[in-house]
Structures are given as C-alpha cells and as structure tokens.
C-alpha cells in the first residue's frame, strides 16, 4: 500500500520542524556550564540517564540524602562522588 501525503507533508514539516528544534535545544540545556565544578558533569550525565536532573540548590540535604539512598542501588558512585553530589545540589542551610 502506498500513501500519498502530498499537502499533508508540508503541514507536517511546518509543525514538526520547529518542534524538533525545541527538543534539540532543551537537550543542550542539561550540559554543565564550562565554569561548573567537575561533579556537575557527572550530575548531568548520571541523573539524566533516567530523569531530568534536579537543579542545584533546589533540594535540602535531607531530601538529597534520602533520594540518594534509593538511587545508590542503581547508580554506583564512590562515597566521595555521592558527597560531592550532595554538596553541589543542596540548598544553603538557613
């Protein structure tokens, strides 16, 4: 069976073209900034494998430690890397 998309093709290109740019650009936003600490790259890579990485300074230490207890079964980082990740992500204490 052969489909003739004729006029529909130009509509699909008009709609999907800009959408693919948005998807491509949002994927780039997860990369660590050039002046970020070394743990930032590990954060964007490891956390981004399964979900959107949490933004730094948006979670408490307790929230992060709880989450990392669960994540430790799937993500194998050294103790020092986990500590650096908590230091990087934790919101300042009040």
PDB file of N, CA and C in Angstrom:
ATOM      1  N   UNK A   1       0.843  -1.167   0.000  1.00  0.00           N
ATOM      2  CA  UNK A   1       0.000   0.000   0.000  1.00  0.00           C
ATOM      3  C   UNK A   1       0.895   1.240   0.000  1.00  0.00           C
ATOM      4  N   UNK A   2       0.636   2.183  -0.869  1.00  0.00           N
ATOM      5  CA  UNK A   2       1.414   3.421  -0.973  1.00  0.00           C
ATOM      6  C   UNK A   2       0.530   4.580  -0.534  1.00  0.00           C
ATOM      7  N   UNK A   3       1.084   5.412   0.338  1.00  0.00           N
ATOM      8  CA  UNK A   3       0.356   6.577   0.829  1.00  0.00           C
ATOM      9  C   UNK A   3       0.838   7.821   0.109  1.00  0.00           C
ATOM     10  N   UNK A   4      -0.066   8.689  -0.234  1.00  0.00           N
ATOM     11  CA  UNK A   4       0.277   9.968  -0.845  1.00  0.00           C
ATOM     12  C   UNK A   4       0.030  11.054   0.194  1.00  0.00           C
ATOM     13  N   UNK A   5       1.126  11.585   0.767  1.00  0.00           N
ATOM     14  CA  UNK A   5       0.999  12.582   1.808  1.00  0.00           C
ATOM     15  C   UNK A   5       0.957  14.001   1.244  1.00  0.00           C
ATOM     16  N   UNK A   6       1.237  14.196  -0.025  1.00  0.00           N
ATOM     17  CA  UNK A   6       1.175  15.479  -0.731  1.00  0.00           C
ATOM     18  C   UNK A   6       1.079  16.698   0.166  1.00  0.00           C
ATOM     19  N   UNK A   7      -0.115  17.343   0.259  1.00  0.00           N
ATOM     20  CA  UNK A   7      -0.269  18.566   1.051  1.00  0.00           C
ATOM     21  C   UNK A   7      -0.015  18.333   2.540  1.00  0.00           C
ATOM     22  N   UNK A   8      -0.318  17.152   3.025  1.00  0.00           N
ATOM     23  CA  UNK A   8      -0.087  16.860   4.433  1.00  0.00           C
ATOM     24  C   UNK A   8       1.392  16.920   4.778  1.00  0.00           C
ATOM     25  N   UNK A   9       2.249  16.542   3.856  1.00  0.00           N
ATOM     26  CA  UNK A   9       3.697  16.549   4.091  1.00  0.00           C
ATOM     27  C   UNK A   9       4.184  17.941   4.448  1.00  0.00           C
ATOM     28  N   UNK A  10       3.758  18.973   3.702  1.00  0.00           N
ATOM     29  CA  UNK A  10       4.223  20.330   4.001  1.00  0.00           C
ATOM     30  C   UNK A  10       3.704  20.794   5.355  1.00  0.00           C
ATOM     31  N   UNK A  11       2.510  20.373   5.743  1.00  0.00           N
ATOM     32  CA  UNK A  11       1.975  20.712   7.064  1.00  0.00           C
ATOM     33  C   UNK A  11       2.790  20.020   8.151  1.00  0.00           C
ATOM     34  N   UNK A  12       3.132  18.761   7.922  1.00  0.00           N
ATOM     35  CA  UNK A  12       3.931  18.021   8.903  1.00  0.00           C
ATOM     36  C   UNK A  12       5.299  18.659   9.076  1.00  0.00           C
ATOM     37  N   UNK A  13       5.926  19.078   7.992  1.00  0.00           N
ATOM     38  CA  UNK A  13       7.235  19.734   8.067  1.00  0.00           C
ATOM     39  C   UNK A  13       7.109  21.050   8.814  1.00  0.00           C
ATOM     40  N   UNK A  14       6.051  21.814   8.538  1.00  0.00           N
ATOM     41  CA  UNK A  14       5.856  23.104   9.189  1.00  0.00           C
ATOM     42  C   UNK A  14       5.653  22.960  10.693  1.00  0.00           C
ATOM     43  N   UNK A  15       5.003  21.894  11.105  1.00  0.00           N
ATOM     44  CA  UNK A  15       4.734  21.677  12.531  1.00  0.00           C
ATOM     45  C   UNK A  15       5.897  20.981  13.223  1.00  0.00           C
ATOM     46  N   UNK A  16       6.397  19.920  12.625  1.00  0.00           N
ATOM     47  CA  UNK A  16       7.426  19.117  13.277  1.00  0.00           C
ATOM     48  C   UNK A  16       8.811  19.750  13.221  1.00  0.00           C
ATOM     49  N   UNK A  17       9.093  20.549  12.233  1.00  0.00           N
ATOM     50  CA  UNK A  17      10.401  21.190  12.131  1.00  0.00           C
ATOM     51  C   UNK A  17      10.739  22.018  13.366  1.00  0.00           C
ATOM     52  N   UNK A  18       9.881  23.010  13.718  1.00  0.00           N
ATOM     53  CA  UNK A  18      10.162  23.797  14.921  1.00  0.00           C
ATOM     54  C   UNK A  18      10.153  22.971  16.200  1.00  0.00           C
ATOM     55  N   UNK A  19       9.303  21.939  16.262  1.00  0.00           N
ATOM     56  CA  UNK A  19       9.266  21.092  17.454  1.00  0.00           C
ATOM     57  C   UNK A  19      10.588  20.360  17.639  1.00  0.00           C
ATOM     58  N   UNK A  20      11.178  19.902  16.553  1.00  0.00           N
ATOM     59  CA  UNK A  20      12.449  19.186  16.681  1.00  0.00           C
ATOM     60  C   UNK A  20      13.549  20.121  17.150  1.00  0.00           C
ATOM     61  N   UNK A  21      13.480  21.399  16.759  1.00  0.00           N
ATOM     62  CA  UNK A  21      14.468  22.366  17.249  1.00  0.00           C
ATOM     63  C   UNK A  21      14.321  22.568  18.742  1.00  0.00           C
ATOM     64  N   UNK A  22      13.084  22.658  19.230  1.00  0.00           N
ATOM     65  CA  UNK A  22      12.856  22.840  20.664  1.00  0.00           C
ATOM     66  C   UNK A  22      13.389  21.647  21.430  1.00  0.00           C
ATOM     67  N   UNK A  23      13.104  20.449  20.956  1.00  0.00           N
ATOM     68  CA  UNK A  23      13.605  19.244  21.620  1.00  0.00           C
ATOM     69  C   UNK A  23      15.125  19.247  21.618  1.00  0.00           C
ATOM     70  N   UNK A  24      15.730  19.582  20.508  1.00  0.00           N
ATOM     71  CA  UNK A  24      17.190  19.626  20.424  1.00  0.00           C
ATOM     72  C   UNK A  24      17.793  20.656  21.354  1.00  0.00           C
ATOM     73  N   UNK A  25      17.189  21.823  21.434  1.00  0.00           N
ATOM     74  CA  UNK A  25      17.723  22.877  22.292  1.00  0.00           C
ATOM     75  C   UNK A  25      17.547  22.565  23.761  1.00  0.00           C
ATOM     76  N   UNK A  26      16.426  21.968  24.148  1.00  0.00           N
ATOM     77  CA  UNK A  26      16.244  21.634  25.555  1.00  0.00           C
ATOM     78  C   UNK A  26      17.208  20.544  25.976  1.00  0.00           C
ATOM     79  N   UNK A  27      17.569  19.656  25.084  1.00  0.00           N
ATOM     80  CA  UNK A  27      18.564  18.636  25.411  1.00  0.00           C
ATOM     81  C   UNK A  27      19.913  19.247  25.715  1.00  0.00           C
ATOM     82  N   UNK A  28      20.237  20.350  25.060  1.00  0.00           N
ATOM     83  CA  UNK A  28      21.513  21.023  25.286  1.00  0.00           C
ATOM     84  C   UNK A  28      21.564  21.711  26.635  1.00  0.00           C
ATOM     85  N   UNK A  29      20.413  22.085  27.184  1.00  0.00           N
ATOM     86  CA  UNK A  29      20.412  22.828  28.438  1.00  0.00           C
ATOM     87  C   UNK A  29      20.871  21.979  29.612  1.00  0.00           C
ATOM     88  N   UNK A  30      20.904  20.666  29.461  1.00  0.00           N
ATOM     89  CA  UNK A  30      21.313  19.807  30.555  1.00  0.00           C
ATOM     90  C   UNK A  30      22.827  19.729  30.723  1.00  0.00           C
ATOM     91  N   UNK A  31      23.565  20.206  29.753  1.00  0.00           N
ATOM     92  CA  UNK A  31      25.023  20.142  29.845  1.00  0.00           C
ATOM     93  C   UNK A  31      25.531  21.092  30.915  1.00  0.00           C
ATOM     94  N   UNK A  32      26.607  20.709  31.564  1.00  0.00           N
ATOM     95  CA  UNK A  32      27.199  21.549  32.600  1.00  0.00           C
ATOM     96  C   UNK A  32      27.887  22.756  31.977  1.00  0.00           C
ATOM     97  N   UNK A  33      27.818  23.879  32.668  1.00  0.00           N
ATOM     98  CA  UNK A  33      28.479  25.091  32.207  1.00  0.00           C
ATOM     99  C   UNK A  33      29.990  24.899  32.275  1.00  0.00           C
ATOM    100  N   UNK A  34      30.747  25.595  31.401  1.00  0.00           N
ATOM    101  CA  UNK A  34      32.202  25.414  31.376  1.00  0.00           C
ATOM    102  C   UNK A  34      32.886  25.722  32.708  1.00  0.00           C
ATOM    103  N   UNK A  35      32.332  26.660  33.496  1.00  0.00           N
ATOM    104  CA  UNK A  35      32.956  27.021  34.766  1.00  0.00           C
ATOM    105  C   UNK A  35      32.377  26.238  35.949  1.00  0.00           C
ATOM    106  N   UNK A  36      31.559  25.232  35.680  1.00  0.00           N
ATOM    107  CA  UNK A  36      30.949  24.421  36.735  1.00  0.00           C
ATOM    108  C   UNK A  36      31.983  23.464  37.320  1.00  0.00           C
ATOM    109  N   UNK A  37      31.761  23.034  38.570  1.00  0.00           N
ATOM    110  CA  UNK A  37      32.686  22.069  39.179  1.00  0.00           C
ATOM    111  C   UNK A  37      32.623  20.728  38.454  1.00  0.00           C
ATOM    112  N   UNK A  38      33.660  19.898  38.583  1.00  0.00           N
ATOM    113  CA  UNK A  38      33.691  18.603  37.891  1.00  0.00           C
ATOM    114  C   UNK A  38      32.476  17.723  38.181  1.00  0.00           C
ATOM    115  N   UNK A  39      31.904  17.823  39.373  1.00  0.00           N
ATOM    116  CA  UNK A  39      30.754  16.979  39.719  1.00  0.00           C
ATOM    117  C   UNK A  39      29.534  17.354  38.873  1.00  0.00           C
ATOM    118  N   UNK A  40      29.483  18.557  38.321  1.00  0.00           N
ATOM    119  CA  UNK A  40      28.338  18.997  37.513  1.00  0.00           C
ATOM    120  C   UNK A  40      28.180  18.120  36.274  1.00  0.00           C
ATOM    121  N   UNK A  41      29.266  17.739  35.673  1.00  0.00           N
ATOM    122  CA  UNK A  41      29.211  16.874  34.501  1.00  0.00           C
ATOM    123  C   UNK A  41      28.688  15.491  34.877  1.00  0.00           C
ATOM    124  N   UNK A  42      29.166  14.958  35.975  1.00  0.00           N
ATOM    125  CA  UNK A  42      28.699  13.660  36.459  1.00  0.00           C
ATOM    126  C   UNK A  42      27.208  13.738  36.794  1.00  0.00           C
ATOM    127  N   UNK A  43      26.794  14.838  37.398  1.00  0.00           N
ATOM    128  CA  UNK A  43      25.383  15.067  37.742  1.00  0.00           C
ATOM    129  C   UNK A  43      24.510  15.035  36.500  1.00  0.00           C
ATOM    130  N   UNK A  44      24.860  15.804  35.480  1.00  0.00           N
ATOM    131  CA  UNK A  44      24.009  15.856  34.290  1.00  0.00           C
ATOM    132  C   UNK A  44      24.004  14.517  33.555  1.00  0.00           C
ATOM    133  N   UNK A  45      25.128  13.828  33.551  1.00  0.00           N
ATOM    134  CA  UNK A  45      25.198  12.537  32.856  1.00  0.00           C
ATOM    135  C   UNK A  45      24.448  11.445  33.616  1.00  0.00           C
ATOM    136  N   UNK A  46      24.793  11.240  34.872  1.00  0.00           N
ATOM    137  CA  UNK A  46      24.204  10.135  35.641  1.00  0.00           C
ATOM    138  C   UNK A  46      22.722  10.357  35.920  1.00  0.00           C
ATOM    139  N   UNK A  47      22.360  11.537  36.393  1.00  0.00           N
ATOM    140  CA  UNK A  47      20.954  11.793  36.723  1.00  0.00           C
ATOM    141  C   UNK A  47      20.107  11.848  35.462  1.00  0.00           C
ATOM    142  N   UNK A  48      20.684  12.368  34.380  1.00  0.00           N
ATOM    143  CA  UNK A  48      19.957  12.498  33.133  1.00  0.00           C
ATOM    144  C   UNK A  48      19.719  11.187  32.411  1.00  0.00           C
ATOM    145  N   UNK A  49      20.310  10.123  32.866  1.00  0.00           N
ATOM    146  CA  UNK A  49      20.089   8.822  32.227  1.00  0.00           C
ATOM    147  C   UNK A  49      18.667   8.320  32.447  1.00  0.00           C
ATOM    148  N   UNK A  50      18.060   8.679  33.577  1.00  0.00           N
ATOM    149  CA  UNK A  50      16.722   8.169  33.899  1.00  0.00           C
ATOM    150  C   UNK A  50      15.651   9.257  34.019  1.00  0.00           C
ATOM    151  N   UNK A  51      16.059  10.474  34.350  1.00  0.00           N
ATOM    152  CA  UNK A  51      15.087  11.543  34.551  1.00  0.00           C
ATOM    153  C   UNK A  51      15.767  12.891  34.368  1.00  0.00           C
ATOM    154  N   UNK A  52      14.987  13.943  34.425  1.00  0.00           N
ATOM    155  CA  UNK A  52      15.551  15.292  34.332  1.00  0.00           C
ATOM    156  C   UNK A  52      16.347  15.539  35.615  1.00  0.00           C
ATOM    157  N   UNK A  53      17.616  15.886  35.483  1.00  0.00           N
ATOM    158  CA  UNK A  53      18.421  16.122  36.687  1.00  0.00           C
ATOM    159  C   UNK A  53      17.863  17.283  37.506  1.00  0.00           C
ATOM    160  N   UNK A  54      17.833  17.151  38.822  1.00  0.00           N
ATOM    161  CA  UNK A  54      17.346  18.262  39.642  1.00  0.00           C
ATOM    162  C   UNK A  54      18.299  19.458  39.536  1.00  0.00           C
ATOM    163  N   UNK A  55      17.739  20.633  39.590  1.00  0.00           N
ATOM    164  CA  UNK A  55      18.551  21.840  39.543  1.00  0.00           C
ATOM    165  C   UNK A  55      19.323  21.981  40.852  1.00  0.00           C
ATOM    166  N   UNK A  56      20.563  22.434  40.786  1.00  0.00           N
ATOM    167  CA  UNK A  56      21.331  22.672  42.012  1.00  0.00           C
ATOM    168  C   UNK A  56      20.630  23.690  42.910  1.00  0.00           C
ATOM    169  N   UNK A  57      20.773  23.494  44.194  1.00  0.00           N
ATOM    170  CA  UNK A  57      20.282  24.402  45.237  1.00  0.00           C
ATOM    171  C   UNK A  57      18.763  24.436  45.358  1.00  0.00           C
ATOM    172  N   UNK A  58      18.072  23.362  44.901  1.00  0.00           N
ATOM    173  CA  UNK A  58      16.615  23.331  44.998  1.00  0.00           C
ATOM    174  C   UNK A  58      16.106  22.287  45.987  1.00  0.00           C
ATOM    175  N   UNK A  59      16.986  21.491  46.551  1.00  0.00           N
ATOM    176  CA  UNK A  59      16.603  20.442  47.499  1.00  0.00           C
ATOM    177  C   UNK A  59      17.425  20.587  48.777  1.00  0.00           C
ATOM    178  N   UNK A  60      16.857  20.148  49.873  1.00  0.00           N
ATOM    179  CA  UNK A  60      17.601  20.164  51.128  1.00  0.00           C
ATOM    180  C   UNK A  60      18.562  18.981  51.160  1.00  0.00           C
ATOM    181  N   UNK A  61      19.526  19.041  52.056  1.00  0.00           N
ATOM    182  CA  UNK A  61      20.452  17.921  52.226  1.00  0.00           C
ATOM    183  C   UNK A  61      19.696  16.649  52.592  1.00  0.00           C
ATOM    184  N   UNK A  62      18.714  16.776  53.471  1.00  0.00           N
ATOM    185  CA  UNK A  62      17.938  15.607  53.908  1.00  0.00           C
ATOM    186  C   UNK A  62      17.198  14.984  52.723  1.00  0.00           C
ATOM    187  N   UNK A  63      16.589  15.807  51.867  1.00  0.00           N
ATOM    188  CA  UNK A  63      15.898  15.283  50.688  1.00  0.00           C
ATOM    189  C   UNK A  63      16.864  14.554  49.765  1.00  0.00           C
ATOM    190  N   UNK A  64      18.028  15.137  49.557  1.00  0.00           N
ATOM    191  CA  UNK A  64      19.022  14.530  48.673  1.00  0.00           C
ATOM    192  C   UNK A  64      19.555  13.224  49.247  1.00  0.00           C
ATOM    193  N   UNK A  65      19.862  13.220  50.537  1.00  0.00           N
ATOM    194  CA  UNK A  65      20.374  12.000  51.164  1.00  0.00           C
ATOM    195  C   UNK A  65      19.345  10.880  51.080  1.00  0.00           C
ATOM    196  N   UNK A  66      18.066  11.213  51.271  1.00  0.00           N
ATOM    197  CA  UNK A  66      17.007  10.219  51.151  1.00  0.00           C
ATOM    198  C   UNK A  66      16.926   9.682  49.717  1.00  0.00           C
ATOM    199  N   UNK A  67      16.933  10.580  48.751  1.00  0.00           N
ATOM    200  CA  UNK A  67      16.865  10.166  47.341  1.00  0.00           C
ATOM    201  C   UNK A  67      18.085   9.337  46.960  1.00  0.00           C
ATOM    202  N   UNK A  68      19.254   9.745  47.412  1.00  0.00           N
ATOM    203  CA  UNK A  68      20.471   9.031  47.035  1.00  0.00           C
ATOM    204  C   UNK A  68      20.551   7.662  47.689  1.00  0.00           C
ATOM    205  N   UNK A  69      19.892   7.478  48.822  1.00  0.00           N
ATOM    206  CA  UNK A  69      19.833   6.152  49.440  1.00  0.00           C
ATOM    207  C   UNK A  69      19.120   5.197  48.489  1.00  0.00           C
ATOM    208  N   UNK A  70      18.028   5.675  47.881  1.00  0.00           N
ATOM    209  CA  UNK A  70      17.303   4.842  46.903  1.00  0.00           C
ATOM    210  C   UNK A  70      18.100   4.696  45.611  1.00  0.00           C
ATOM    211  N   UNK A  71      18.738   5.762  45.153  1.00  0.00           N
ATOM    212  CA  UNK A  71      19.466   5.728  43.888  1.00  0.00           C
ATOM    213  C   UNK A  71      20.743   4.901  43.968  1.00  0.00           C
ATOM    214  N   UNK A  72      21.292   4.761  45.157  1.00  0.00           N
ATOM    215  CA  UNK A  72      22.544   4.037  45.334  1.00  0.00           C
ATOM    216  C   UNK A  72      22.482   2.590  44.875  1.00  0.00           C
ATOM    217  N   UNK A  73      21.287   2.037  44.814  1.00  0.00           N
ATOM    218  CA  UNK A  73      21.132   0.652  44.363  1.00  0.00           C
ATOM    219  C   UNK A  73      21.293   0.535  42.849  1.00  0.00           C
ATOM    220  N   UNK A  74      21.017   1.636  42.132  1.00  0.00           N
ATOM    221  CA  UNK A  74      21.090   1.615  40.659  1.00  0.00           C
ATOM    222  C   UNK A  74      22.313   2.359  40.118  1.00  0.00           C
ATOM    223  N   UNK A  75      22.688   3.416  40.814  1.00  0.00           N
ATOM    224  CA  UNK A  75      23.795   4.264  40.351  1.00  0.00           C
ATOM    225  C   UNK A  75      24.984   4.011  41.269  1.00  0.00           C
ATOM    226  N   UNK A  76      26.025   3.485  40.707  1.00  0.00           N
ATOM    227  CA  UNK A  76      27.183   3.105  41.517  1.00  0.00           C
ATOM    228  C   UNK A  76      28.254   4.192  41.431  1.00  0.00           C
ATOM    229  N   UNK A  77      28.240   5.063  42.438  1.00  0.00           N
ATOM    230  CA  UNK A  77      29.252   6.112  42.563  1.00  0.00           C
ATOM    231  C   UNK A  77      30.039   5.860  43.838  1.00  0.00           C
ATOM    232  N   UNK A  78      31.220   6.421  43.890  1.00  0.00           N
ATOM    233  CA  UNK A  78      32.016   6.302  45.109  1.00  0.00           C
ATOM    234  C   UNK A  78      31.376   7.159  46.206  1.00  0.00           C
ATOM    235  N   UNK A  79      31.747   6.871  47.440  1.00  0.00           N
ATOM    236  CA  UNK A  79      31.247   7.657  48.572  1.00  0.00           C
ATOM    237  C   UNK A  79      31.594   9.133  48.373  1.00  0.00           C
ATOM    238  N   UNK A  80      32.810   9.405  47.915  1.00  0.00           N
ATOM    239  CA  UNK A  80      33.232  10.790  47.693  1.00  0.00           C
ATOM    240  C   UNK A  80      32.397  11.472  46.607  1.00  0.00           C
ATOM    241  N   UNK A  81      32.048  10.736  45.545  1.00  0.00           N
ATOM    242  CA  UNK A  81      31.204  11.312  44.494  1.00  0.00           C
ATOM    243  C   UNK A  81      29.804  11.608  45.008  1.00  0.00           C
ATOM    244  N   UNK A  82      29.239  10.712  45.832  1.00  0.00           N
ATOM    245  CA  UNK A  82      27.920  10.981  46.411  1.00  0.00           C
ATOM    246  C   UNK A  82      27.976  12.229  47.282  1.00  0.00           C
ATOM    247  N   UNK A  83      29.028  12.360  48.080  1.00  0.00           N
ATOM    248  CA  UNK A  83      29.148  13.533  48.943  1.00  0.00           C
ATOM    249  C   UNK A  83      29.303  14.811  48.121  1.00  0.00           C
ATOM    250  N   UNK A  84      30.114  14.753  47.069  1.00  0.00           N
ATOM    251  CA  UNK A  84      30.282  15.913  46.197  1.00  0.00           C
ATOM    252  C   UNK A  84      28.967  16.276  45.520  1.00  0.00           C
ATOM    253  N   UNK A  85      28.192  15.259  45.145  1.00  0.00           N
ATOM    254  CA  UNK A  85      26.891  15.499  44.506  1.00  0.00           C
ATOM    255  C   UNK A  85      25.961  16.204  45.484  1.00  0.00           C
ATOM    256  N   UNK A  86      25.921  15.754  46.718  1.00  0.00           N
ATOM    257  CA  UNK A  86      25.074  16.399  47.739  1.00  0.00           C
ATOM    258  C   UNK A  86      25.532  17.838  47.962  1.00  0.00           C
ATOM    259  N   UNK A  87      26.834  18.044  48.079  1.00  0.00           N
ATOM    260  CA  UNK A  87      27.358  19.400  48.273  1.00  0.00           C
ATOM    261  C   UNK A  87      26.992  20.306  47.093  1.00  0.00           C
ATOM    262  N   UNK A  88      27.054  19.760  45.887  1.00  0.00           N
ATOM    263  CA  UNK A  88      26.738  20.529  44.681  1.00  0.00           C
ATOM    264  C   UNK A  88      25.253  20.863  44.581  1.00  0.00           C
ATOM    265  N   UNK A  89      24.394  19.911  44.940  1.00  0.00           N
ATOM    266  CA  UNK A  89      22.951  20.087  44.742  1.00  0.00           C
ATOM    267  C   UNK A  89      22.211  20.726  45.910  1.00  0.00           C
ATOM    268  N   UNK A  90      22.734  20.587  47.132  1.00  0.00           N
ATOM    269  CA  UNK A  90      21.998  21.014  48.323  1.00  0.00           C
ATOM    270  C   UNK A  90      21.821  22.532  48.387  1.00  0.00           C
ATOM    271  N   UNK A  91      20.623  22.912  48.795  1.00  0.00           N
ATOM    272  CA  UNK A  91      20.337  24.335  49.030  1.00  0.00           C
ATOM    273  C   UNK A  91      21.102  24.765  50.272  1.00  0.00           C
ATOM    274  N   UNK A  92      21.513  26.015  50.313  1.00  0.00           N
ATOM    275  CA  UNK A  92      22.219  26.510  51.504  1.00  0.00           C
ATOM    276  C   UNK A  92      21.337  26.367  52.745  1.00  0.00           C
ATOM    277  N   UNK A  93      21.947  26.015  53.858  1.00  0.00           N
ATOM    278  CA  UNK A  93      21.190  25.895  55.116  1.00  0.00           C
ATOM    279  C   UNK A  93      20.772  27.279  55.580  1.00  0.00           C
ATOM    280  N   UNK A  94      19.578  27.346  56.147  1.00  0.00           N
ATOM    281  CA  UNK A  94      19.065  28.651  56.628  1.00  0.00           C
ATOM    282  C   UNK A  94      19.617  28.982  57.965  1.00  0.00           C
TER     283      UNK A  94
END
